[in-house]
């Protein structure tokens, strides 16, 4: 059975595609690529069909991540097929919880930085869109810092599913 994770930010052109590709690498490096599916979406549809922001692509490329992406909007109808919905900030978390139709769906939503023990109370990944390239580099650093903890949590979930 496939374990599905979807990262969600505002427009699906900066933070969530970055998290998707970083986490996919972690999954593949852990040998779990055949059982964990990684995707991303945005809470809004402004950029549906667009490629990722060129600064996102550049930062990922310079850090050795492969990249292909087409932005899309998150749909409430996806919840039954997802095991984890990972919000990139508190605003996304609220919007996703408002879309959840059941307590079980709402329980699948988490903040990415909640998987980074060093994050403390600073659980948002700031939106780099309106800033310069440094914001995208910082975004990558935060995403990478949380991805190991997220992978560990997914591994535990997979172990719990194994009969």
C-alpha atoms as a PDB file:
ATOM      1  CA  UNK A   1       0.000   0.000   0.000  1.00  0.00           C
ATOM      2  CA  UNK A   2       1.362   3.414  -0.997  1.00  0.00           C
ATOM      3  CA  UNK A   3       1.851   6.111   1.645  1.00  0.00           C
ATOM      4  CA  UNK A   4       0.965   9.530   0.214  1.00  0.00           C
ATOM      5  CA  UNK A   5       2.308  12.911   1.370  1.00  0.00           C
ATOM      6  CA  UNK A   6       1.231  16.265  -0.101  1.00  0.00           C
ATOM      7  CA  UNK A   7       2.991  19.533   0.753  1.00  0.00           C
ATOM      8  CA  UNK A   8       0.846  22.669   0.604  1.00  0.00           C
ATOM      9  CA  UNK A   9       1.770  26.362   0.408  1.00  0.00           C
ATOM     10  CA  UNK A  10      -0.021  29.375  -1.076  1.00  0.00           C
ATOM     11  CA  UNK A  11       0.477  29.205  -4.842  1.00  0.00           C
ATOM     12  CA  UNK A  12       2.454  25.973  -5.264  1.00  0.00           C
ATOM     13  CA  UNK A  13       5.381  27.697  -6.973  1.00  0.00           C
ATOM     14  CA  UNK A  14       7.892  28.264  -4.121  1.00  0.00           C
ATOM     15  CA  UNK A  15       7.746  26.483  -0.775  1.00  0.00           C
ATOM     16  CA  UNK A  16       5.635  23.399  -1.427  1.00  0.00           C
ATOM     17  CA  UNK A  17       7.391  22.310  -4.637  1.00  0.00           C
ATOM     18  CA  UNK A  18      10.708  22.850  -2.876  1.00  0.00           C
ATOM     19  CA  UNK A  19       9.546  20.666   0.022  1.00  0.00           C
ATOM     20  CA  UNK A  20       8.182  18.081  -2.411  1.00  0.00           C
ATOM     21  CA  UNK A  21      11.494  17.649  -4.214  1.00  0.00           C
ATOM     22  CA  UNK A  22      13.648  17.731  -1.085  1.00  0.00           C
ATOM     23  CA  UNK A  23      11.469  15.155   0.660  1.00  0.00           C
ATOM     24  CA  UNK A  24      11.265  12.979  -2.446  1.00  0.00           C
ATOM     25  CA  UNK A  25      15.086  12.801  -2.410  1.00  0.00           C
ATOM     26  CA  UNK A  26      15.007  11.767   1.273  1.00  0.00           C
ATOM     27  CA  UNK A  27      12.440   9.081   0.464  1.00  0.00           C
ATOM     28  CA  UNK A  28      14.447   7.766  -2.476  1.00  0.00           C
ATOM     29  CA  UNK A  29      17.722   7.829  -0.531  1.00  0.00           C
ATOM     30  CA  UNK A  30      16.005   5.804   2.212  1.00  0.00           C
ATOM     31  CA  UNK A  31      14.928   3.188  -0.336  1.00  0.00           C
ATOM     32  CA  UNK A  32      11.248   4.002   0.131  1.00  0.00           C
ATOM     33  CA  UNK A  33      10.523   5.392  -3.321  1.00  0.00           C
ATOM     34  CA  UNK A  34       8.367   2.405  -4.187  1.00  0.00           C
ATOM     35  CA  UNK A  35       6.057   2.865  -1.166  1.00  0.00           C
ATOM     36  CA  UNK A  36       5.985   6.642  -0.520  1.00  0.00           C
ATOM     37  CA  UNK A  37       4.439   9.041  -3.032  1.00  0.00           C
ATOM     38  CA  UNK A  38       5.272  12.749  -2.667  1.00  0.00           C
ATOM     39  CA  UNK A  39       3.332  15.624  -4.213  1.00  0.00           C
ATOM     40  CA  UNK A  40       2.486  19.294  -3.653  1.00  0.00           C
ATOM     41  CA  UNK A  41      -0.272  21.845  -4.200  1.00  0.00           C
ATOM     42  CA  UNK A  42      -1.325  25.371  -3.269  1.00  0.00           C
ATOM     43  CA  UNK A  43      -4.236  26.710  -1.257  1.00  0.00           C
ATOM     44  CA  UNK A  44      -5.015  29.106  -4.098  1.00  0.00           C
ATOM     45  CA  UNK A  45      -5.272  28.612  -7.815  1.00  0.00           C
ATOM     46  CA  UNK A  46      -3.513  31.760  -9.051  1.00  0.00           C
ATOM     47  CA  UNK A  47      -0.606  29.828 -10.526  1.00  0.00           C
ATOM     48  CA  UNK A  48      -2.357  26.629 -11.657  1.00  0.00           C
ATOM     49  CA  UNK A  49      -0.548  25.228 -14.671  1.00  0.00           C
ATOM     50  CA  UNK A  50       2.545  27.381 -14.120  1.00  0.00           C
ATOM     51  CA  UNK A  51       6.070  26.135 -13.562  1.00  0.00           C
ATOM     52  CA  UNK A  52       7.771  26.784 -10.240  1.00  0.00           C
ATOM     53  CA  UNK A  53       9.271  30.189  -9.544  1.00  0.00           C
ATOM     54  CA  UNK A  54      12.654  30.397 -11.347  1.00  0.00           C
ATOM     55  CA  UNK A  55      14.365  31.171  -8.022  1.00  0.00           C
ATOM     56  CA  UNK A  56      12.996  27.921  -6.565  1.00  0.00           C
ATOM     57  CA  UNK A  57      14.289  25.984  -9.565  1.00  0.00           C
ATOM     58  CA  UNK A  58      17.680  27.702  -9.391  1.00  0.00           C
ATOM     59  CA  UNK A  59      18.212  27.073  -5.677  1.00  0.00           C
ATOM     60  CA  UNK A  60      17.170  23.427  -5.993  1.00  0.00           C
ATOM     61  CA  UNK A  61      19.356  22.905  -9.045  1.00  0.00           C
ATOM     62  CA  UNK A  62      22.397  24.442  -7.368  1.00  0.00           C
ATOM     63  CA  UNK A  63      21.892  22.093  -4.437  1.00  0.00           C
ATOM     64  CA  UNK A  64      21.693  18.969  -6.564  1.00  0.00           C
ATOM     65  CA  UNK A  65      17.950  18.406  -6.667  1.00  0.00           C
ATOM     66  CA  UNK A  66      16.265  17.328  -9.880  1.00  0.00           C
ATOM     67  CA  UNK A  67      13.163  19.302 -10.698  1.00  0.00           C
ATOM     68  CA  UNK A  68       9.978  19.235 -12.766  1.00  0.00           C
ATOM     69  CA  UNK A  69       6.786  20.911 -11.592  1.00  0.00           C
ATOM     70  CA  UNK A  70       3.370  22.177 -12.643  1.00  0.00           C
ATOM     71  CA  UNK A  71       1.433  24.160 -10.026  1.00  0.00           C
ATOM     72  CA  UNK A  72      -2.034  23.067  -8.955  1.00  0.00           C
ATOM     73  CA  UNK A  73      -4.600  23.851  -6.295  1.00  0.00           C
ATOM     74  CA  UNK A  74      -5.318  21.541  -3.361  1.00  0.00           C
ATOM     75  CA  UNK A  75      -8.794  19.991  -3.419  1.00  0.00           C
ATOM     76  CA  UNK A  76     -10.730  18.743  -0.395  1.00  0.00           C
ATOM     77  CA  UNK A  77     -11.626  15.653  -2.408  1.00  0.00           C
ATOM     78  CA  UNK A  78      -7.976  14.556  -2.179  1.00  0.00           C
ATOM     79  CA  UNK A  79      -8.049  13.981   1.583  1.00  0.00           C
ATOM     80  CA  UNK A  80      -9.220  10.340   1.455  1.00  0.00           C
ATOM     81  CA  UNK A  81      -6.231   9.426  -0.709  1.00  0.00           C
ATOM     82  CA  UNK A  82      -3.619  11.214   1.428  1.00  0.00           C
ATOM     83  CA  UNK A  83      -1.897   9.985   4.566  1.00  0.00           C
ATOM     84  CA  UNK A  84      -0.264  13.312   5.427  1.00  0.00           C
ATOM     85  CA  UNK A  85      -0.963  16.855   4.296  1.00  0.00           C
ATOM     86  CA  UNK A  86       2.000  19.043   5.194  1.00  0.00           C
ATOM     87  CA  UNK A  87       1.317  22.775   5.550  1.00  0.00           C
ATOM     88  CA  UNK A  88       4.208  25.204   5.187  1.00  0.00           C
ATOM     89  CA  UNK A  89       2.798  27.840   7.569  1.00  0.00           C
ATOM     90  CA  UNK A  90      -0.006  28.472  10.064  1.00  0.00           C
ATOM     91  CA  UNK A  91      -2.179  30.182   7.430  1.00  0.00           C
ATOM     92  CA  UNK A  92      -2.071  27.087   5.237  1.00  0.00           C
ATOM     93  CA  UNK A  93      -2.780  24.930   8.265  1.00  0.00           C
ATOM     94  CA  UNK A  94      -5.959  26.927   9.017  1.00  0.00           C
ATOM     95  CA  UNK A  95      -7.097  26.855   5.386  1.00  0.00           C
ATOM     96  CA  UNK A  96      -6.530  23.118   5.106  1.00  0.00           C
ATOM     97  CA  UNK A  97      -8.339  22.391   8.360  1.00  0.00           C
ATOM     98  CA  UNK A  98     -11.277  24.433   7.058  1.00  0.00           C
ATOM     99  CA  UNK A  99     -11.337  22.208   3.947  1.00  0.00           C
ATOM    100  CA  UNK A 100     -11.215  18.975   5.947  1.00  0.00           C
ATOM    101  CA  UNK A 101     -14.647  17.356   6.034  1.00  0.00           C
ATOM    102  CA  UNK A 102     -14.062  15.027   8.963  1.00  0.00           C
ATOM    103  CA  UNK A 103     -11.946  14.980  12.142  1.00  0.00           C
ATOM    104  CA  UNK A 104      -9.935  12.146  10.564  1.00  0.00           C
ATOM    105  CA  UNK A 105      -9.046  14.317   7.581  1.00  0.00           C
ATOM    106  CA  UNK A 106      -8.102  17.229   9.843  1.00  0.00           C
ATOM    107  CA  UNK A 107      -5.864  14.918  11.872  1.00  0.00           C
ATOM    108  CA  UNK A 108      -3.742  14.238   8.769  1.00  0.00           C
ATOM    109  CA  UNK A 109      -2.649  17.889   8.502  1.00  0.00           C
ATOM    110  CA  UNK A 110       0.667  18.912  10.055  1.00  0.00           C
ATOM    111  CA  UNK A 111       3.140  21.780   9.862  1.00  0.00           C
ATOM    112  CA  UNK A 112       6.423  20.849   8.182  1.00  0.00           C
ATOM    113  CA  UNK A 113       8.620  22.493  10.795  1.00  0.00           C
ATOM    114  CA  UNK A 114       6.909  20.512  13.560  1.00  0.00           C
ATOM    115  CA  UNK A 115       9.254  17.719  12.415  1.00  0.00           C
ATOM    116  CA  UNK A 116      12.349  19.853  13.126  1.00  0.00           C
ATOM    117  CA  UNK A 117      13.276  19.683  16.836  1.00  0.00           C
ATOM    118  CA  UNK A 118      15.374  22.856  16.472  1.00  0.00           C
ATOM    119  CA  UNK A 119      12.358  24.865  15.248  1.00  0.00           C
ATOM    120  CA  UNK A 120      10.991  25.525  18.733  1.00  0.00           C
ATOM    121  CA  UNK A 121       7.901  27.719  18.396  1.00  0.00           C
ATOM    122  CA  UNK A 122       8.939  29.074  14.973  1.00  0.00           C
ATOM    123  CA  UNK A 123       6.932  26.616  12.889  1.00  0.00           C
ATOM    124  CA  UNK A 124       6.326  28.680   9.741  1.00  0.00           C
ATOM    125  CA  UNK A 125       8.470  28.445   6.637  1.00  0.00           C
ATOM    126  CA  UNK A 126       8.438  32.121   5.546  1.00  0.00           C
ATOM    127  CA  UNK A 127       7.198  32.886   2.038  1.00  0.00           C
ATOM    128  CA  UNK A 128      10.217  33.887  -0.078  1.00  0.00           C
ATOM    129  CA  UNK A 129       8.154  35.052  -3.080  1.00  0.00           C
ATOM    130  CA  UNK A 130       8.331  38.818  -2.483  1.00  0.00           C
ATOM    131  CA  UNK A 131      11.960  38.837  -1.411  1.00  0.00           C
ATOM    132  CA  UNK A 132      15.307  38.150  -2.962  1.00  0.00           C
ATOM    133  CA  UNK A 133      17.155  34.921  -3.643  1.00  0.00           C
ATOM    134  CA  UNK A 134      18.392  34.673  -0.042  1.00  0.00           C
ATOM    135  CA  UNK A 135      14.802  33.985   1.042  1.00  0.00           C
ATOM    136  CA  UNK A 136      14.711  30.957  -1.241  1.00  0.00           C
ATOM    137  CA  UNK A 137      18.015  29.710   0.148  1.00  0.00           C
ATOM    138  CA  UNK A 138      16.672  30.090   3.692  1.00  0.00           C
ATOM    139  CA  UNK A 139      13.509  28.276   2.656  1.00  0.00           C
ATOM    140  CA  UNK A 140      15.612  25.368   1.430  1.00  0.00           C
ATOM    141  CA  UNK A 141      17.550  25.292   4.699  1.00  0.00           C
ATOM    142  CA  UNK A 142      14.315  25.103   6.733  1.00  0.00           C
ATOM    143  CA  UNK A 143      12.822  22.439   4.480  1.00  0.00           C
ATOM    144  CA  UNK A 144      15.975  20.323   4.638  1.00  0.00           C
ATOM    145  CA  UNK A 145      16.123  20.671   8.426  1.00  0.00           C
ATOM    146  CA  UNK A 146      12.594  19.275   8.825  1.00  0.00           C
ATOM    147  CA  UNK A 147      12.763  16.545   6.186  1.00  0.00           C
ATOM    148  CA  UNK A 148      14.737  14.057   8.282  1.00  0.00           C
ATOM    149  CA  UNK A 149      12.202  14.198  11.097  1.00  0.00           C
ATOM    150  CA  UNK A 150       9.338  13.871   8.648  1.00  0.00           C
ATOM    151  CA  UNK A 151      10.996  10.844   7.083  1.00  0.00           C
ATOM    152  CA  UNK A 152      11.388   9.254  10.520  1.00  0.00           C
ATOM    153  CA  UNK A 153       7.674   9.827  11.218  1.00  0.00           C
ATOM    154  CA  UNK A 154       6.694   8.315   7.867  1.00  0.00           C
ATOM    155  CA  UNK A 155       8.921   5.287   8.554  1.00  0.00           C
ATOM    156  CA  UNK A 156       7.109   4.740  11.865  1.00  0.00           C
ATOM    157  CA  UNK A 157       3.741   4.944  10.114  1.00  0.00           C
ATOM    158  CA  UNK A 158       4.904   2.407   7.536  1.00  0.00           C
ATOM    159  CA  UNK A 159       6.156   0.066  10.265  1.00  0.00           C
ATOM    160  CA  UNK A 160       2.775   0.307  12.015  1.00  0.00           C
ATOM    161  CA  UNK A 161       1.079  -0.771   8.773  1.00  0.00           C
ATOM    162  CA  UNK A 162       3.287  -3.819   8.320  1.00  0.00           C
ATOM    163  CA  UNK A 163       1.453  -6.941   9.467  1.00  0.00           C
END
